[in-house]
Amino acid sequence: MLESVGLGGDGDEVIAIENAFARFGVDVPVEDAPNWVTVGDVWSSLCRALPKAPYQPDAFLRFCTALAYETAVDPKKVDENTRLLV
């Protein structure tokens, strides 16, 4: 498990989260944003917006791949407890 996705809080987190939601064709639920600390927090928001997501093969890995693109961390090492910011 990674401690952090490595986002710096300098705007890269906005791009990363937009990429993750876009990967699934879902609008970012900005009202949830104040509660996002971990990857699991963002994943939960996606699952509320797209209830089928948890049942799609490799959905979490695809989500993590899109989320981690900005920082180039290994998405296979990301789990729900991984923090978004450094």
PDB file of N, CA and C in Angstrom:
ATOM      1  N   MET A   1       0.836  -1.182   0.000  1.00  0.00           N
ATOM      2  CA  MET A   1       0.000   0.000   0.000  1.00  0.00           C
ATOM      3  C   MET A   1       0.875   1.237   0.000  1.00  0.00           C
ATOM      4  N   LEU A   2       0.436   2.231  -0.746  1.00  0.00           N
ATOM      5  CA  LEU A   2       1.106   3.520  -0.751  1.00  0.00           C
ATOM      6  C   LEU A   2       0.496   4.410   0.317  1.00  0.00           C
ATOM      7  N   GLU A   3       1.330   5.222   0.947  1.00  0.00           N
ATOM      8  CA  GLU A   3       0.823   6.175   1.924  1.00  0.00           C
ATOM      9  C   GLU A   3       0.040   7.282   1.235  1.00  0.00           C
ATOM     10  N   SER A   4       0.511   7.710   0.047  1.00  0.00           N
ATOM     11  CA  SER A   4      -0.112   8.827  -0.657  1.00  0.00           C
ATOM     12  C   SER A   4      -0.038   8.626  -2.165  1.00  0.00           C
ATOM     13  N   VAL A   5      -1.046   9.138  -2.868  1.00  0.00           N
ATOM     14  CA  VAL A   5      -1.014   9.141  -4.324  1.00  0.00           C
ATOM     15  C   VAL A   5       0.047  10.137  -4.798  1.00  0.00           C
ATOM     16  N   GLY A   6       0.356  11.105  -3.955  1.00  0.00           N
ATOM     17  CA  GLY A   6       1.416  12.059  -4.270  1.00  0.00           C
ATOM     18  C   GLY A   6       0.934  13.366  -4.863  1.00  0.00           C
ATOM     19  N   LEU A   7      -0.356  13.621  -4.768  1.00  0.00           N
ATOM     20  CA  LEU A   7      -0.871  14.887  -5.269  1.00  0.00           C
ATOM     21  C   LEU A   7      -0.426  15.992  -4.318  1.00  0.00           C
ATOM     22  N   GLY A   8      -0.115  17.152  -4.885  1.00  0.00           N
ATOM     23  CA  GLY A   8       0.499  18.205  -4.083  1.00  0.00           C
ATOM     24  C   GLY A   8      -0.423  19.266  -3.546  1.00  0.00           C
ATOM     25  N   GLY A   9      -1.693  19.255  -3.927  1.00  0.00           N
ATOM     26  CA  GLY A   9      -2.594  20.287  -3.458  1.00  0.00           C
ATOM     27  C   GLY A   9      -2.406  21.600  -4.200  1.00  0.00           C
ATOM     28  N   ASP A  10      -1.741  21.533  -5.349  1.00  0.00           N
ATOM     29  CA  ASP A  10      -1.475  22.740  -6.128  1.00  0.00           C
ATOM     30  C   ASP A  10      -2.288  22.760  -7.427  1.00  0.00           C
ATOM     31  N   GLY A  11      -3.383  22.044  -7.432  1.00  0.00           N
ATOM     32  CA  GLY A  11      -4.243  21.973  -8.606  1.00  0.00           C
ATOM     33  C   GLY A  11      -4.186  20.627  -9.300  1.00  0.00           C
ATOM     34  N   ASP A  12      -3.108  19.877  -9.057  1.00  0.00           N
ATOM     35  CA  ASP A  12      -3.011  18.564  -9.699  1.00  0.00           C
ATOM     36  C   ASP A  12      -4.083  17.613  -9.200  1.00  0.00           C
ATOM     37  N   GLU A  13      -4.549  17.820  -7.966  1.00  0.00           N
ATOM     38  CA  GLU A  13      -5.597  16.949  -7.432  1.00  0.00           C
ATOM     39  C   GLU A  13      -6.914  17.151  -8.183  1.00  0.00           C
ATOM     40  N   VAL A  14      -7.171  18.376  -8.628  1.00  0.00           N
ATOM     41  CA  VAL A  14      -8.395  18.645  -9.394  1.00  0.00           C
ATOM     42  C   VAL A  14      -8.349  17.885 -10.716  1.00  0.00           C
ATOM     43  N   ILE A  15      -7.218  17.962 -11.401  1.00  0.00           N
ATOM     44  CA  ILE A  15      -7.052  17.272 -12.677  1.00  0.00           C
ATOM     45  C   ILE A  15      -7.168  15.763 -12.480  1.00  0.00           C
ATOM     46  N   ALA A  16      -6.520  15.246 -11.442  1.00  0.00           N
ATOM     47  CA  ALA A  16      -6.534  13.805 -11.182  1.00  0.00           C
ATOM     48  C   ALA A  16      -7.948  13.301 -10.911  1.00  0.00           C
ATOM     49  N   ILE A  17      -8.685  14.027 -10.112  1.00  0.00           N
ATOM     50  CA  ILE A  17     -10.047  13.598  -9.778  1.00  0.00           C
ATOM     51  C   ILE A  17     -10.960  13.728 -10.987  1.00  0.00           C
ATOM     52  N   GLU A  18     -10.801  14.792 -11.754  1.00  0.00           N
ATOM     53  CA  GLU A  18     -11.584  14.929 -12.989  1.00  0.00           C
ATOM     54  C   GLU A  18     -11.291  13.770 -13.938  1.00  0.00           C
ATOM     55  N   ASN A  19     -10.016  13.391 -14.056  1.00  0.00           N
ATOM     56  CA  ASN A  19      -9.636  12.256 -14.910  1.00  0.00           C
ATOM     57  C   ASN A  19     -10.293  10.963 -14.437  1.00  0.00           C
ATOM     58  N   ALA A  20     -10.300  10.740 -13.130  1.00  0.00           N
ATOM     59  CA  ALA A  20     -10.861   9.502 -12.582  1.00  0.00           C
ATOM     60  C   ALA A  20     -12.359   9.398 -12.854  1.00  0.00           C
ATOM     61  N   PHE A  21     -13.077  10.495 -12.676  1.00  0.00           N
ATOM     62  CA  PHE A  21     -14.518  10.468 -12.929  1.00  0.00           C
ATOM     63  C   PHE A  21     -14.808  10.398 -14.425  1.00  0.00           C
ATOM     64  N   ALA A  22     -14.020  11.115 -15.217  1.00  0.00           N
ATOM     65  CA  ALA A  22     -14.211  11.095 -16.675  1.00  0.00           C
ATOM     66  C   ALA A  22     -14.004   9.695 -17.235  1.00  0.00           C
ATOM     67  N   ARG A  23     -13.113   8.953 -16.620  1.00  0.00           N
ATOM     68  CA  ARG A  23     -12.843   7.576 -17.055  1.00  0.00           C
ATOM     69  C   ARG A  23     -14.113   6.727 -17.064  1.00  0.00           C
ATOM     70  N   PHE A  24     -15.055   7.120 -16.197  1.00  0.00           N
ATOM     71  CA  PHE A  24     -16.315   6.389 -16.077  1.00  0.00           C
ATOM     72  C   PHE A  24     -17.497   7.166 -16.648  1.00  0.00           C
ATOM     73  N   GLY A  25     -17.210   8.314 -17.256  1.00  0.00           N
ATOM     74  CA  GLY A  25     -18.266   9.113 -17.867  1.00  0.00           C
ATOM     75  C   GLY A  25     -19.212   9.748 -16.867  1.00  0.00           C
ATOM     76  N   VAL A  26     -18.677  10.082 -15.701  1.00  0.00           N
ATOM     77  CA  VAL A  26     -19.484  10.634 -14.612  1.00  0.00           C
ATOM     78  C   VAL A  26     -18.981  12.030 -14.267  1.00  0.00           C
ATOM     79  N   ASP A  27     -19.907  12.944 -14.004  1.00  0.00           N
ATOM     80  CA  ASP A  27     -19.525  14.277 -13.545  1.00  0.00           C
ATOM     81  C   ASP A  27     -18.999  14.202 -12.117  1.00  0.00           C
ATOM     82  N   VAL A  28     -18.043  15.050 -11.813  1.00  0.00           N
ATOM     83  CA  VAL A  28     -17.479  15.102 -10.467  1.00  0.00           C
ATOM     84  C   VAL A  28     -18.526  15.693  -9.514  1.00  0.00           C
ATOM     85  N   PRO A  29     -18.860  14.972  -8.444  1.00  0.00           N
ATOM     86  CA  PRO A  29     -19.806  15.521  -7.470  1.00  0.00           C
ATOM     87  C   PRO A  29     -19.069  16.488  -6.537  1.00  0.00           C
ATOM     88  N   VAL A  30     -18.937  17.724  -6.963  1.00  0.00           N
ATOM     89  CA  VAL A  30     -18.124  18.701  -6.235  1.00  0.00           C
ATOM     90  C   VAL A  30     -18.606  18.921  -4.804  1.00  0.00           C
ATOM     91  N   GLU A  31     -19.877  18.632  -4.550  1.00  0.00           N
ATOM     92  CA  GLU A  31     -20.381  18.789  -3.187  1.00  0.00           C
ATOM     93  C   GLU A  31     -19.723  17.806  -2.217  1.00  0.00           C
ATOM     94  N   ASP A  32     -19.165  16.725  -2.727  1.00  0.00           N
ATOM     95  CA  ASP A  32     -18.471  15.736  -1.889  1.00  0.00           C
ATOM     96  C   ASP A  32     -17.021  16.120  -1.601  1.00  0.00           C
ATOM     97  N   ALA A  33     -16.461  17.005  -2.394  1.00  0.00           N
ATOM     98  CA  ALA A  33     -15.028  17.311  -2.352  1.00  0.00           C
ATOM     99  C   ALA A  33     -14.482  17.669  -0.967  1.00  0.00           C
ATOM    100  N   PRO A  34     -15.189  18.418  -0.141  1.00  0.00           N
ATOM    101  CA  PRO A  34     -14.617  18.740   1.170  1.00  0.00           C
ATOM    102  C   PRO A  34     -14.327  17.517   2.045  1.00  0.00           C
ATOM    103  N   ASN A  35     -14.923  16.390   1.705  1.00  0.00           N
ATOM    104  CA  ASN A  35     -14.752  15.174   2.512  1.00  0.00           C
ATOM    105  C   ASN A  35     -13.705  14.223   1.948  1.00  0.00           C
ATOM    106  N   TRP A  36     -13.064  14.572   0.856  1.00  0.00           N
ATOM    107  CA  TRP A  36     -12.101  13.686   0.225  1.00  0.00           C
ATOM    108  C   TRP A  36     -10.724  13.821   0.846  1.00  0.00           C
ATOM    109  N   VAL A  37     -10.308  12.780   1.511  1.00  0.00           N
ATOM    110  CA  VAL A  37      -8.971  12.713   2.101  1.00  0.00           C
ATOM    111  C   VAL A  37      -8.216  11.521   1.517  1.00  0.00           C
ATOM    112  N   THR A  38      -8.931  10.438   1.320  1.00  0.00           N
ATOM    113  CA  THR A  38      -8.320   9.203   0.824  1.00  0.00           C
ATOM    114  C   THR A  38      -8.903   8.818  -0.535  1.00  0.00           C
ATOM    115  N   VAL A  39      -8.237   7.891  -1.177  1.00  0.00           N
ATOM    116  CA  VAL A  39      -8.736   7.341  -2.437  1.00  0.00           C
ATOM    117  C   VAL A  39     -10.109   6.716  -2.215  1.00  0.00           C
ATOM    118  N   GLY A  40     -10.292   6.066  -1.086  1.00  0.00           N
ATOM    119  CA  GLY A  40     -11.574   5.446  -0.771  1.00  0.00           C
ATOM    120  C   GLY A  40     -12.704   6.458  -0.679  1.00  0.00           C
ATOM    121  N   ASP A  41     -12.412   7.656  -0.189  1.00  0.00           N
ATOM    122  CA  ASP A  41     -13.435   8.702  -0.116  1.00  0.00           C
ATOM    123  C   ASP A  41     -13.916   9.074  -1.517  1.00  0.00           C
ATOM    124  N   VAL A  42     -12.976   9.237  -2.434  1.00  0.00           N
ATOM    125  CA  VAL A  42     -13.324   9.601  -3.806  1.00  0.00           C
ATOM    126  C   VAL A  42     -14.026   8.428  -4.495  1.00  0.00           C
ATOM    127  N   TRP A  43     -13.530   7.229  -4.268  1.00  0.00           N
ATOM    128  CA  TRP A  43     -14.146   6.028  -4.840  1.00  0.00           C
ATOM    129  C   TRP A  43     -15.601   5.902  -4.380  1.00  0.00           C
ATOM    130  N   SER A  44     -15.863   6.169  -3.114  1.00  0.00           N
ATOM    131  CA  SER A  44     -17.237   6.103  -2.594  1.00  0.00           C
ATOM    132  C   SER A  44     -18.143   7.089  -3.315  1.00  0.00           C
ATOM    133  N   SER A  45     -17.628   8.278  -3.602  1.00  0.00           N
ATOM    134  CA  SER A  45     -18.417   9.269  -4.348  1.00  0.00           C
ATOM    135  C   SER A  45     -18.715   8.767  -5.756  1.00  0.00           C
ATOM    136  N   LEU A  46     -17.730   8.163  -6.385  1.00  0.00           N
ATOM    137  CA  LEU A  46     -17.951   7.614  -7.724  1.00  0.00           C
ATOM    138  C   LEU A  46     -19.005   6.508  -7.676  1.00  0.00           C
ATOM    139  N   CYS A  47     -18.920   5.663  -6.676  1.00  0.00           N
ATOM    140  CA  CYS A  47     -19.865   4.545  -6.560  1.00  0.00           C
ATOM    141  C   CYS A  47     -21.287   5.029  -6.290  1.00  0.00           C
ATOM    142  N   ARG A  48     -21.433   6.141  -5.589  1.00  0.00           N
ATOM    143  CA  ARG A  48     -22.774   6.713  -5.400  1.00  0.00           C
ATOM    144  C   ARG A  48     -23.313   7.260  -6.717  1.00  0.00           C
ATOM    145  N   ALA A  49     -22.424   7.855  -7.509  1.00  0.00           N
ATOM    146  CA  ALA A  49     -22.836   8.415  -8.802  1.00  0.00           C
ATOM    147  C   ALA A  49     -23.051   7.324  -9.849  1.00  0.00           C
ATOM    148  N   LEU A  50     -22.316   6.232  -9.704  1.00  0.00           N
ATOM    149  CA  LEU A  50     -22.385   5.127 -10.661  1.00  0.00           C
ATOM    150  C   LEU A  50     -22.414   3.809  -9.879  1.00  0.00           C
ATOM    151  N   PRO A  51     -23.594   3.419  -9.395  1.00  0.00           N
ATOM    152  CA  PRO A  51     -23.695   2.244  -8.530  1.00  0.00           C
ATOM    153  C   PRO A  51     -23.159   0.943  -9.131  1.00  0.00           C
ATOM    154  N   LYS A  52     -23.045   0.870 -10.439  1.00  0.00           N
ATOM    155  CA  LYS A  52     -22.523  -0.347 -11.066  1.00  0.00           C
ATOM    156  C   LYS A  52     -21.000  -0.436 -11.011  1.00  0.00           C
ATOM    157  N   ALA A  53     -20.335   0.647 -10.685  1.00  0.00           N
ATOM    158  CA  ALA A  53     -18.869   0.691 -10.719  1.00  0.00           C
ATOM    159  C   ALA A  53     -18.198  -0.434  -9.930  1.00  0.00           C
ATOM    160  N   PRO A  54     -18.610  -0.693  -8.699  1.00  0.00           N
ATOM    161  CA  PRO A  54     -17.915  -1.738  -7.936  1.00  0.00           C
ATOM    162  C   PRO A  54     -18.028  -3.140  -8.537  1.00  0.00           C
ATOM    163  N   TYR A  55     -18.985  -3.313  -9.430  1.00  0.00           N
ATOM    164  CA  TYR A  55     -19.219  -4.634 -10.015  1.00  0.00           C
ATOM    165  C   TYR A  55     -18.586  -4.795 -11.397  1.00  0.00           C
ATOM    166  N   GLN A  56     -17.960  -3.730 -11.888  1.00  0.00           N
ATOM    167  CA  GLN A  56     -17.289  -3.801 -13.184  1.00  0.00           C
ATOM    168  C   GLN A  56     -15.894  -4.387 -12.986  1.00  0.00           C
ATOM    169  N   PRO A  57     -15.494  -5.321 -13.843  1.00  0.00           N
ATOM    170  CA  PRO A  57     -14.160  -5.924 -13.710  1.00  0.00           C
ATOM    171  C   PRO A  57     -13.072  -4.846 -13.773  1.00  0.00           C
ATOM    172  N   ASP A  58     -12.173  -4.905 -12.850  1.00  0.00           N
ATOM    173  CA  ASP A  58     -11.022  -4.000 -12.790  1.00  0.00           C
ATOM    174  C   ASP A  58     -11.400  -2.536 -12.636  1.00  0.00           C
ATOM    175  N   ALA A  59     -12.610  -2.230 -12.202  1.00  0.00           N
ATOM    176  CA  ALA A  59     -13.047  -0.837 -12.087  1.00  0.00           C
ATOM    177  C   ALA A  59     -12.177  -0.045 -11.121  1.00  0.00           C
ATOM    178  N   PHE A  60     -11.860  -0.626  -9.971  1.00  0.00           N
ATOM    179  CA  PHE A  60     -11.047   0.111  -9.001  1.00  0.00           C
ATOM    180  C   PHE A  60      -9.651   0.366  -9.549  1.00  0.00           C
ATOM    181  N   LEU A  61      -9.075  -0.597 -10.241  1.00  0.00           N
ATOM    182  CA  LEU A  61      -7.752  -0.399 -10.836  1.00  0.00           C
ATOM    183  C   LEU A  61      -7.800   0.682 -11.919  1.00  0.00           C
ATOM    184  N   ARG A  62      -8.831   0.675 -12.739  1.00  0.00           N
ATOM    185  CA  ARG A  62      -8.969   1.715 -13.768  1.00  0.00           C
ATOM    186  C   ARG A  62      -9.129   3.088 -13.122  1.00  0.00           C
ATOM    187  N   PHE A  63      -9.881   3.135 -12.047  1.00  0.00           N
ATOM    188  CA  PHE A  63     -10.068   4.367 -11.285  1.00  0.00           C
ATOM    189  C   PHE A  63      -8.723   4.852 -10.733  1.00  0.00           C
ATOM    190  N   CYS A  64      -7.982   3.958 -10.110  1.00  0.00           N
ATOM    191  CA  CYS A  64      -6.684   4.315  -9.534  1.00  0.00           C
ATOM    192  C   CYS A  64      -5.681   4.715 -10.608  1.00  0.00           C
ATOM    193  N   THR A  65      -5.727   4.068 -11.750  1.00  0.00           N
ATOM    194  CA  THR A  65      -4.831   4.402 -12.858  1.00  0.00           C
ATOM    195  C   THR A  65      -5.083   5.832 -13.317  1.00  0.00           C
ATOM    196  N   ALA A  66      -6.333   6.201 -13.478  1.00  0.00           N
ATOM    197  CA  ALA A  66      -6.669   7.566 -13.891  1.00  0.00           C
ATOM    198  C   ALA A  66      -6.303   8.566 -12.804  1.00  0.00           C
ATOM    199  N   LEU A  67      -6.550   8.220 -11.559  1.00  0.00           N
ATOM    200  CA  LEU A  67      -6.262   9.105 -10.441  1.00  0.00           C
ATOM    201  C   LEU A  67      -4.763   9.337 -10.272  1.00  0.00           C
ATOM    202  N   ALA A  68      -3.969   8.305 -10.487  1.00  0.00           N
ATOM    203  CA  ALA A  68      -2.526   8.381 -10.258  1.00  0.00           C
ATOM    204  C   ALA A  68      -1.738   8.853 -11.482  1.00  0.00           C
ATOM    205  N   TYR A  69      -2.400   9.093 -12.582  1.00  0.00           N
ATOM    206  CA  TYR A  69      -1.715   9.482 -13.810  1.00  0.00           C
ATOM    207  C   TYR A  69      -0.851  10.725 -13.612  1.00  0.00           C
ATOM    208  N   GLU A  70      -1.339  11.693 -12.880  1.00  0.00           N
ATOM    209  CA  GLU A  70      -0.619  12.956 -12.662  1.00  0.00           C
ATOM    210  C   GLU A  70       0.685  12.758 -11.889  1.00  0.00           C
ATOM    211  N   THR A  71       0.764  11.744 -11.066  1.00  0.00           N
ATOM    212  CA  THR A  71       1.942  11.546 -10.223  1.00  0.00           C
ATOM    213  C   THR A  71       2.794  10.350 -10.631  1.00  0.00           C
ATOM    214  N   ALA A  72       2.291   9.548 -11.533  1.00  0.00           N
ATOM    215  CA  ALA A  72       3.006   8.381 -12.050  1.00  0.00           C
ATOM    216  C   ALA A  72       3.323   7.336 -10.979  1.00  0.00           C
ATOM    217  N   VAL A  73       2.535   7.310  -9.895  1.00  0.00           N
ATOM    218  CA  VAL A  73       2.721   6.227  -8.928  1.00  0.00           C
ATOM    219  C   VAL A  73       2.096   4.962  -9.499  1.00  0.00           C
ATOM    220  N   ASP A  74       2.507   3.828  -8.987  1.00  0.00           N
ATOM    221  CA  ASP A  74       1.986   2.546  -9.445  1.00  0.00           C
ATOM    222  C   ASP A  74       0.553   2.376  -8.941  1.00  0.00           C
ATOM    223  N   PRO A  75      -0.436   2.416  -9.826  1.00  0.00           N
ATOM    224  CA  PRO A  75      -1.831   2.314  -9.385  1.00  0.00           C
ATOM    225  C   PRO A  75      -2.160   0.984  -8.716  1.00  0.00           C
ATOM    226  N   LYS A  76      -1.365  -0.036  -8.958  1.00  0.00           N
ATOM    227  CA  LYS A  76      -1.602  -1.332  -8.321  1.00  0.00           C
ATOM    228  C   LYS A  76      -1.271  -1.299  -6.835  1.00  0.00           C
ATOM    229  N   LYS A  77      -0.524  -0.286  -6.401  1.00  0.00           N
ATOM    230  CA  LYS A  77      -0.162  -0.161  -4.990  1.00  0.00           C
ATOM    231  C   LYS A  77      -1.116   0.756  -4.225  1.00  0.00           C
ATOM    232  N   VAL A  78      -2.061   1.344  -4.928  1.00  0.00           N
ATOM    233  CA  VAL A  78      -3.030   2.252  -4.309  1.00  0.00           C
ATOM    234  C   VAL A  78      -4.183   1.428  -3.753  1.00  0.00           C
ATOM    235  N   ASP A  79      -4.612   1.747  -2.555  1.00  0.00           N
ATOM    236  CA  ASP A  79      -5.814   1.119  -2.015  1.00  0.00           C
ATOM    237  C   ASP A  79      -6.726   2.206  -1.442  1.00  0.00           C
ATOM    238  N   GLU A  80      -7.820   1.811  -0.869  1.00  0.00           N
ATOM    239  CA  GLU A  80      -8.797   2.785  -0.398  1.00  0.00           C
ATOM    240  C   GLU A  80      -8.285   3.656   0.743  1.00  0.00           C
ATOM    241  N   ASN A  81      -7.261   3.216   1.451  1.00  0.00           N
ATOM    242  CA  ASN A  81      -6.717   4.005   2.566  1.00  0.00           C
ATOM    243  C   ASN A  81      -5.592   4.950   2.131  1.00  0.00           C
ATOM    244  N   THR A  82      -5.189   4.867   0.891  1.00  0.00           N
ATOM    245  CA  THR A  82      -4.126   5.740   0.392  1.00  0.00           C
ATOM    246  C   THR A  82      -4.626   7.184   0.392  1.00  0.00           C
ATOM    247  N   ARG A  83      -3.832   8.067   0.989  1.00  0.00           N
ATOM    248  CA  ARG A  83      -4.187   9.484   1.029  1.00  0.00           C
ATOM    249  C   ARG A  83      -3.989  10.101  -0.337  1.00  0.00           C
ATOM    250  N   LEU A  84      -4.770  11.138  -0.641  1.00  0.00           N
ATOM    251  CA  LEU A  84      -4.648  11.823  -1.926  1.00  0.00           C
ATOM    252  C   LEU A  84      -3.435  12.741  -1.950  1.00  0.00           C
ATOM    253  N   LEU A  85      -3.254  13.541  -0.909  1.00  0.00           N
ATOM    254  CA  LEU A  85      -2.192  14.538  -0.881  1.00  0.00           C
ATOM    255  C   LEU A  85      -0.953  14.035  -0.162  1.00  0.00           C
ATOM    256  N   VAL A  86       0.168  14.629  -0.528  1.00  0.00           N
ATOM    257  CA  VAL A  86       1.456  14.286   0.098  1.00  0.00           C
ATOM    258  C   VAL A  86       1.414  14.655   1.561  1.00  0.00           C
TER     259      VAL A  86
END
